PDB file of N, CA and C in Angstrom:
ATOM      1  N   MET A   1     184.662 153.100  -5.440  1.00  0.00           N
ATOM      2  CA  MET A   1     185.836 152.044  -5.420  1.00  0.00           C
ATOM      3  C   MET A   1     185.592 151.083  -4.323  1.00  0.00           C
ATOM      4  N   ASP A   2     185.931 149.842  -4.402  1.00  0.00           N
ATOM      5  CA  ASP A   2     185.684 148.886  -3.469  1.00  0.00           C
ATOM      6  C   ASP A   2     187.173 148.446  -2.834  1.00  0.00           C
ATOM      7  N   ILE A   3     187.179 147.735  -1.795  1.00  0.00           N
ATOM      8  CA  ILE A   3     188.590 147.267  -1.026  1.00  0.00           C
ATOM      9  C   ILE A   3     189.184 146.699  -2.186  1.00  0.00           C
ATOM     10  N   TRP A   4     188.803 145.879  -3.029  1.00  0.00           N
ATOM     11  CA  TRP A   4     189.714 145.013  -3.863  1.00  0.00           C
ATOM     12  C   TRP A   4     190.392 145.979  -4.849  1.00  0.00           C
ATOM     13  N   GLU A   5     189.635 146.917  -5.321  1.00  0.00           N
ATOM     14  CA  GLU A   5     190.294 147.927  -6.312  1.00  0.00           C
ATOM     15  C   GLU A   5     191.396 148.703  -5.526  1.00  0.00           C
ATOM     16  N   LEU A   6     191.052 149.131  -4.186  1.00  0.00           N
ATOM     17  CA  LEU A   6     192.274 149.776  -3.640  1.00  0.00           C
ATOM     18  C   LEU A   6     193.421 148.922  -3.441  1.00  0.00           C
ATOM     19  N   VAL A   7     193.178 147.614  -2.983  1.00  0.00           N
ATOM     20  CA  VAL A   7     194.405 146.791  -2.919  1.00  0.00           C
ATOM     21  C   VAL A   7     195.153 146.512  -4.177  1.00  0.00           C
ATOM     22  N   GLN A   8     194.360 146.437  -5.330  1.00  0.00           N
ATOM     23  CA  GLN A   8     195.014 146.094  -6.688  1.00  0.00           C
ATOM     24  C   GLN A   8     195.743 147.269  -7.017  1.00  0.00           C
ATOM     25  N   ALA A   9     195.070 148.755  -6.731  1.00  0.00           N
ATOM     26  CA  ALA A   9     195.816 149.635  -7.143  1.00  0.00           C
ATOM     27  C   ALA A   9     197.198 150.039  -6.362  1.00  0.00           C
ATOM     28  N   ILE A  10     196.999 149.755  -5.048  1.00  0.00           N
ATOM     29  CA  ILE A  10     198.265 149.927  -4.090  1.00  0.00           C
ATOM     30  C   ILE A  10     199.342 149.189  -4.659  1.00  0.00           C
ATOM     31  N   LYS A  11     198.950 147.820  -5.316  1.00  0.00           N
ATOM     32  CA  LYS A  11     200.115 146.948  -5.697  1.00  0.00           C
ATOM     33  C   LYS A  11     200.639 147.527  -7.048  1.00  0.00           C
ATOM     34  N   ASP A  12     199.805 147.983  -7.771  1.00  0.00           N
ATOM     35  CA  ASP A  12     200.138 148.297  -9.144  1.00  0.00           C
ATOM     36  C   ASP A  12     200.551 149.663  -9.690  1.00  0.00           C
ATOM     37  N   LYS A  13     199.930 150.716  -8.796  1.00  0.00           N
ATOM     38  CA  LYS A  13     200.187 152.216  -9.133  1.00  0.00           C
ATOM     39  C   LYS A  13     200.887 152.948  -8.477  1.00  0.00           C
ATOM     40  N   PRO A  14     201.408 154.123  -8.879  1.00  0.00           N
ATOM     41  CA  PRO A  14     202.430 155.161  -8.171  1.00  0.00           C
ATOM     42  C   PRO A  14     201.607 155.593  -7.139  1.00  0.00           C
ATOM     43  N   ASP A  15     202.494 156.063  -6.030  1.00  0.00           N
ATOM     44  CA  ASP A  15     201.751 156.652  -4.870  1.00  0.00           C
ATOM     45  C   ASP A  15     200.840 157.759  -5.248  1.00  0.00           C
ATOM     46  N   GLU A  16     201.425 158.692  -5.834  1.00  0.00           N
ATOM     47  CA  GLU A  16     200.681 159.949  -6.261  1.00  0.00           C
ATOM     48  C   GLU A  16     199.328 159.441  -6.855  1.00  0.00           C
ATOM     49  N   GLU A  17     199.148 158.492  -7.912  1.00  0.00           N
ATOM     50  CA  GLU A  17     198.121 158.361  -8.406  1.00  0.00           C
ATOM     51  C   GLU A  17     197.184 157.577  -7.540  1.00  0.00           C
ATOM     52  N   ILE A  18     197.433 156.742  -6.624  1.00  0.00           N
ATOM     53  CA  ILE A  18     196.617 156.188  -5.684  1.00  0.00           C
ATOM     54  C   ILE A  18     196.036 157.343  -4.613  1.00  0.00           C
ATOM     55  N   ALA A  19     196.798 158.259  -4.214  1.00  0.00           N
ATOM     56  CA  ALA A  19     196.593 159.235  -3.466  1.00  0.00           C
ATOM     57  C   ALA A  19     195.357 160.058  -4.160  1.00  0.00           C
ATOM     58  N   LYS A  20     195.431 160.402  -5.153  1.00  0.00           N
ATOM     59  CA  LYS A  20     194.415 161.061  -6.065  1.00  0.00           C
ATOM     60  C   LYS A  20     193.213 160.170  -6.200  1.00  0.00           C
ATOM     61  N   MET A  21     193.066 158.895  -6.330  1.00  0.00           N
ATOM     62  CA  MET A  21     192.002 157.881  -6.302  1.00  0.00           C
ATOM     63  C   MET A  21     191.345 157.959  -5.174  1.00  0.00           C
ATOM     64  N   THR A  22     191.900 158.136  -3.942  1.00  0.00           N
ATOM     65  CA  THR A  22     191.339 158.112  -2.564  1.00  0.00           C
ATOM     66  C   THR A  22     190.567 159.315  -2.363  1.00  0.00           C
ATOM     67  N   SER A  23     190.683 160.343  -3.144  1.00  0.00           N
ATOM     68  CA  SER A  23     189.982 161.730  -2.856  1.00  0.00           C
ATOM     69  C   SER A  23     188.368 161.399  -3.003  1.00  0.00           C
ATOM     70  N   ILE A  24     187.888 160.086  -3.501  1.00  0.00           N
ATOM     71  CA  ILE A  24     186.511 159.802  -3.510  1.00  0.00           C
ATOM     72  C   ILE A  24     186.194 159.033  -2.187  1.00  0.00           C
ATOM     73  N   LEU A  25     187.193 158.649  -1.672  1.00  0.00           N
ATOM     74  CA  LEU A  25     186.691 157.950  -0.152  1.00  0.00           C
ATOM     75  C   LEU A  25     186.565 158.863   0.991  1.00  0.00           C
ATOM     76  N   PRO A  26     186.080 158.460   1.937  1.00  0.00           N
ATOM     77  CA  PRO A  26     185.824 159.222   3.207  1.00  0.00           C
ATOM     78  C   PRO A  26     187.273 159.561   3.966  1.00  0.00           C
ATOM     79  N   VAL A  27     188.217 158.728   3.676  1.00  0.00           N
ATOM     80  CA  VAL A  27     189.499 158.926   4.245  1.00  0.00           C
ATOM     81  C   VAL A  27     190.323 159.151   3.063  1.00  0.00           C
ATOM     82  N   THR A  28     190.955 160.146   2.925  1.00  0.00           N
ATOM     83  CA  THR A  28     192.072 160.475   1.725  1.00  0.00           C
ATOM     84  C   THR A  28     193.317 160.072   2.219  1.00  0.00           C
ATOM     85  N   LEU A  29     194.073 159.235   1.445  1.00  0.00           N
ATOM     86  CA  LEU A  29     195.547 159.225   1.787  1.00  0.00           C
ATOM     87  C   LEU A  29     196.382 160.115   1.170  1.00  0.00           C
ATOM     88  N   THR A  30     197.552 160.430   1.643  1.00  0.00           N
ATOM     89  CA  THR A  30     198.445 161.207   1.194  1.00  0.00           C
ATOM     90  C   THR A  30     199.742 160.240   0.476  1.00  0.00           C
ATOM     91  N   PRO A  31     200.476 160.701  -0.462  1.00  0.00           N
ATOM     92  CA  PRO A  31     201.439 159.874  -1.170  1.00  0.00           C
ATOM     93  C   PRO A  31     202.257 158.945   0.031  1.00  0.00           C
ATOM     94  N   ALA A  32     202.532 159.855   0.951  1.00  0.00           N
ATOM     95  CA  ALA A  32     203.507 159.360   2.099  1.00  0.00           C
ATOM     96  C   ALA A  32     202.830 158.217   2.844  1.00  0.00           C
ATOM     97  N   GLU A  33     201.479 158.207   2.941  1.00  0.00           N
ATOM     98  CA  GLU A  33     200.700 157.073   3.623  1.00  0.00           C
ATOM     99  C   GLU A  33     200.500 156.164   2.840  1.00  0.00           C
ATOM    100  N   VAL A  34     200.331 156.288   1.694  1.00  0.00           N
ATOM    101  CA  VAL A  34     200.219 155.227   0.605  1.00  0.00           C
ATOM    102  C   VAL A  34     201.611 154.417   0.669  1.00  0.00           C
ATOM    103  N   LYS A  35     202.603 155.051   0.789  1.00  0.00           N
ATOM    104  CA  LYS A  35     203.953 154.297   0.854  1.00  0.00           C
ATOM    105  C   LYS A  35     203.976 153.529   1.671  1.00  0.00           C
ATOM    106  N   GLN A  36     203.545 154.011   2.957  1.00  0.00           N
ATOM    107  CA  GLN A  36     203.523 153.286   4.311  1.00  0.00           C
ATOM    108  C   GLN A  36     202.556 152.036   4.265  1.00  0.00           C
ATOM    109  N   VAL A  37     201.338 152.273   3.656  1.00  0.00           N
ATOM    110  CA  VAL A  37     200.327 151.215   3.606  1.00  0.00           C
ATOM    111  C   VAL A  37     200.658 150.226   2.633  1.00  0.00           C
ATOM    112  N   ARG A  38     201.414 150.452   1.647  1.00  0.00           N
ATOM    113  CA  ARG A  38     201.500 149.633   0.522  1.00  0.00           C
ATOM    114  C   ARG A  38     202.092 148.168   1.200  1.00  0.00           C
ATOM    115  N   PRO A  39     203.090 148.094   1.961  1.00  0.00           N
ATOM    116  CA  PRO A  39     203.561 146.750   2.272  1.00  0.00           C
ATOM    117  C   PRO A  39     202.446 145.822   2.998  1.00  0.00           C
ATOM    118  N   ILE A  40     201.620 146.564   3.590  1.00  0.00           N
ATOM    119  CA  ILE A  40     200.465 145.950   4.430  1.00  0.00           C
ATOM    120  C   ILE A  40     199.435 145.370   3.231  1.00  0.00           C
ATOM    121  N   PHE A  41     199.174 146.264   2.278  1.00  0.00           N
ATOM    122  CA  PHE A  41     198.184 145.893   1.445  1.00  0.00           C
ATOM    123  C   PHE A  41     198.670 144.962   0.517  1.00  0.00           C
ATOM    124  N   GLU A  42     199.919 144.791   0.170  1.00  0.00           N
ATOM    125  CA  GLU A  42     200.554 143.838  -0.761  1.00  0.00           C
ATOM    126  C   GLU A  42     200.340 142.493  -0.291  1.00  0.00           C
ATOM    127  N   LYS A  43     200.116 142.146   1.041  1.00  0.00           N
ATOM    128  CA  LYS A  43     199.827 140.912   1.739  1.00  0.00           C
ATOM    129  C   LYS A  43     198.262 140.447   1.475  1.00  0.00           C
ATOM    130  N   ALA A  44     197.605 141.443   1.097  1.00  0.00           N
ATOM    131  CA  ALA A  44     196.133 141.094   0.963  1.00  0.00           C
ATOM    132  C   ALA A  44     195.967 139.702   0.308  1.00  0.00           C
ATOM    133  N   SER A  45     194.833 139.318   0.612  1.00  0.00           N
ATOM    134  CA  SER A  45     194.131 137.895   0.066  1.00  0.00           C
ATOM    135  C   SER A  45     192.639 137.874  -0.047  1.00  0.00           C
ATOM    136  N   LEU A  46     192.363 136.942  -0.845  1.00  0.00           N
ATOM    137  CA  LEU A  46     191.050 136.861  -1.111  1.00  0.00           C
ATOM    138  C   LEU A  46     190.199 136.868   0.431  1.00  0.00           C
ATOM    139  N   GLN A  47     190.851 136.062   1.206  1.00  0.00           N
ATOM    140  CA  GLN A  47     190.242 135.987   2.634  1.00  0.00           C
ATOM    141  C   GLN A  47     189.840 137.239   3.158  1.00  0.00           C
ATOM    142  N   TRP A  48     190.550 138.368   2.752  1.00  0.00           N
ATOM    143  CA  TRP A  48     190.144 139.570   3.489  1.00  0.00           C
ATOM    144  C   TRP A  48     188.895 140.191   2.838  1.00  0.00           C
ATOM    145  N   LEU A  49     188.573 139.572   1.626  1.00  0.00           N
ATOM    146  CA  LEU A  49     187.406 140.066   1.129  1.00  0.00           C
ATOM    147  C   LEU A  49     186.069 139.241   1.948  1.00  0.00           C
ATOM    148  N   ILE A  50     186.336 138.087   2.280  1.00  0.00           N
ATOM    149  CA  ILE A  50     185.336 137.323   2.740  1.00  0.00           C
ATOM    150  C   ILE A  50     185.331 137.712   4.261  1.00  0.00           C
ATOM    151  N   PHE A  51     186.149 137.622   4.961  1.00  0.00           N
ATOM    152  CA  PHE A  51     186.185 137.670   6.512  1.00  0.00           C
ATOM    153  C   PHE A  51     186.809 139.043   7.013  1.00  0.00           C
ATOM    154  N   GLY A  52     187.265 139.891   6.174  1.00  0.00           N
ATOM    155  CA  GLY A  52     187.793 141.270   6.446  1.00  0.00           C
ATOM    156  C   GLY A  52     189.378 140.887   6.901  1.00  0.00           C
ATOM    157  N   PRO A  53     190.205 142.120   7.130  1.00  0.00           N
ATOM    158  CA  PRO A  53     191.595 142.105   7.307  1.00  0.00           C
ATOM    159  C   PRO A  53     191.852 141.542   8.736  1.00  0.00           C
ATOM    160  N   PRO A  54     192.754 140.783   8.869  1.00  0.00           N
ATOM    161  CA  PRO A  54     192.887 140.223  10.307  1.00  0.00           C
ATOM    162  C   PRO A  54     193.182 141.531  11.246  1.00  0.00           C
ATOM    163  N   GLU A  55     192.971 141.170  12.584  1.00  0.00           N
ATOM    164  CA  GLU A  55     193.379 142.079  13.520  1.00  0.00           C
ATOM    165  C   GLU A  55     194.384 142.857  13.557  1.00  0.00           C
ATOM    166  N   HIS A  56     195.786 142.072  13.300  1.00  0.00           N
ATOM    167  CA  HIS A  56     197.038 142.505  13.363  1.00  0.00           C
ATOM    168  C   HIS A  56     197.115 143.577  12.100  1.00  0.00           C
ATOM    169  N   VAL A  57     196.401 143.354  11.015  1.00  0.00           N
ATOM    170  CA  VAL A  57     196.277 144.165   9.863  1.00  0.00           C
ATOM    171  C   VAL A  57     195.757 145.534  10.162  1.00  0.00           C
ATOM    172  N   HIS A  58     194.668 145.491  10.921  1.00  0.00           N
ATOM    173  CA  HIS A  58     194.062 146.671  11.533  1.00  0.00           C
ATOM    174  C   HIS A  58     194.914 147.600  12.345  1.00  0.00           C
ATOM    175  N   LYS A  59     195.761 146.941  13.249  1.00  0.00           N
ATOM    176  CA  LYS A  59     196.476 147.650  13.822  1.00  0.00           C
ATOM    177  C   LYS A  59     197.763 148.200  13.271  1.00  0.00           C
ATOM    178  N   GLN A  60     198.258 147.584  12.148  1.00  0.00           N
ATOM    179  CA  GLN A  60     199.131 148.205  11.241  1.00  0.00           C
ATOM    180  C   GLN A  60     198.687 149.302  10.485  1.00  0.00           C
ATOM    181  N   ILE A  61     197.616 149.374  10.122  1.00  0.00           N
ATOM    182  CA  ILE A  61     196.968 150.454   9.455  1.00  0.00           C
ATOM    183  C   ILE A  61     196.840 151.497  10.423  1.00  0.00           C
ATOM    184  N   GLN A  62     196.497 151.253  11.732  1.00  0.00           N
ATOM    185  CA  GLN A  62     196.314 152.359  12.549  1.00  0.00           C
ATOM    186  C   GLN A  62     197.355 152.975  12.754  1.00  0.00           C
ATOM    187  N   THR A  63     198.509 152.260  12.924  1.00  0.00           N
ATOM    188  CA  THR A  63     199.931 153.091  12.942  1.00  0.00           C
ATOM    189  C   THR A  63     200.087 154.067  12.044  1.00  0.00           C
ATOM    190  N   VAL A  64     199.623 153.851  10.820  1.00  0.00           N
ATOM    191  CA  VAL A  64     199.967 154.813   9.696  1.00  0.00           C
ATOM    192  C   VAL A  64     198.845 155.950   9.788  1.00  0.00           C
ATOM    193  N   LEU A  65     197.467 155.514   9.931  1.00  0.00           N
ATOM    194  CA  LEU A  65     196.375 156.514   9.620  1.00  0.00           C
ATOM    195  C   LEU A  65     195.675 156.987  10.904  1.00  0.00           C
ATOM    196  N   GLY A  66     196.183 156.198  12.014  1.00  0.00           N
ATOM    197  CA  GLY A  66     195.432 156.644  13.235  1.00  0.00           C
ATOM    198  C   GLY A  66     193.884 155.870  13.551  1.00  0.00           C
ATOM    199  N   LYS A  67     193.655 155.739  14.505  1.00  0.00           N
ATOM    200  CA  LYS A  67     192.403 154.892  15.234  1.00  0.00           C
ATOM    201  C   LYS A  67     191.165 155.371  14.316  1.00  0.00           C
ATOM    202  N   THR A  68     190.948 156.585  14.399  1.00  0.00           N
ATOM    203  CA  THR A  68     189.596 157.187  13.781  1.00  0.00           C
ATOM    204  C   THR A  68     189.497 156.948  12.412  1.00  0.00           C
ATOM    205  N   ARG A  69     190.568 157.331  11.498  1.00  0.00           N
ATOM    206  CA  ARG A  69     190.790 157.219  10.163  1.00  0.00           C
ATOM    207  C   ARG A  69     190.641 155.881   9.689  1.00  0.00           C
ATOM    208  N   THR A  70     191.374 154.979  10.414  1.00  0.00           N
ATOM    209  CA  THR A  70     191.237 153.624  10.024  1.00  0.00           C
ATOM    210  C   THR A  70     189.867 153.047  10.288  1.00  0.00           C
ATOM    211  N   LYS A  71     189.084 153.435  11.380  1.00  0.00           N
ATOM    212  CA  LYS A  71     187.838 152.870  11.493  1.00  0.00           C
ATOM    213  C   LYS A  71     186.927 153.504  10.273  1.00  0.00           C
ATOM    214  N   LYS A  72     186.906 154.571  10.128  1.00  0.00           N
ATOM    215  CA  LYS A  72     186.269 155.217   8.890  1.00  0.00           C
ATOM    216  C   LYS A  72     186.534 154.470   7.743  1.00  0.00           C
ATOM    217  N   LEU A  73     187.837 154.384   7.333  1.00  0.00           N
ATOM    218  CA  LEU A  73     188.091 153.541   5.955  1.00  0.00           C
ATOM    219  C   LEU A  73     187.378 152.298   6.037  1.00  0.00           C
ATOM    220  N   LEU A  74     187.588 151.579   7.075  1.00  0.00           N
ATOM    221  CA  LEU A  74     187.195 150.095   6.993  1.00  0.00           C
ATOM    222  C   LEU A  74     185.741 150.006   7.029  1.00  0.00           C
ATOM    223  N   ALA A  75     185.031 150.958   7.813  1.00  0.00           N
ATOM    224  CA  ALA A  75     183.716 150.883   7.701  1.00  0.00           C
ATOM    225  C   ALA A  75     183.220 151.254   6.322  1.00  0.00           C
ATOM    226  N   HIS A  76     183.742 152.130   5.768  1.00  0.00           N
ATOM    227  CA  HIS A  76     183.295 152.574   4.215  1.00  0.00           C
ATOM    228  C   HIS A  76     183.180 151.286   3.435  1.00  0.00           C
ATOM    229  N   PHE A  77     184.250 150.284   3.753  1.00  0.00           N
ATOM    230  CA  PHE A  77     184.483 149.129   2.852  1.00  0.00           C
ATOM    231  C   PHE A  77     183.460 148.073   3.512  1.00  0.00           C
ATOM    232  N   GLY A  78     182.849 148.201   4.696  1.00  0.00           N
ATOM    233  CA  GLY A  78     182.182 147.209   5.245  1.00  0.00           C
ATOM    234  C   GLY A  78     182.816 146.294   5.980  1.00  0.00           C
ATOM    235  N   LEU A  79     183.925 146.524   6.566  1.00  0.00           N
ATOM    236  CA  LEU A  79     184.875 145.408   7.151  1.00  0.00           C
ATOM    237  C   LEU A  79     185.000 145.852   8.720  1.00  0.00           C
TER     238      LEU A  79
END
């Protein structure tokens, strides 16, 4: 799964399904975490793929996942 697949899934699929999908990632999300990051990822744009998410987005994700899990997830996607 790449970052764009995750973003699209978060926009289109139920929380529980996304949580199951993340089981293949180094950071697994719970349905509650998916619900919290959904508004963040709904703002994703093509620029995120090219330049990575803006710093304020990193901080928003850190609020939900914590610093270590956020770093691990973003590193997995090469961001």
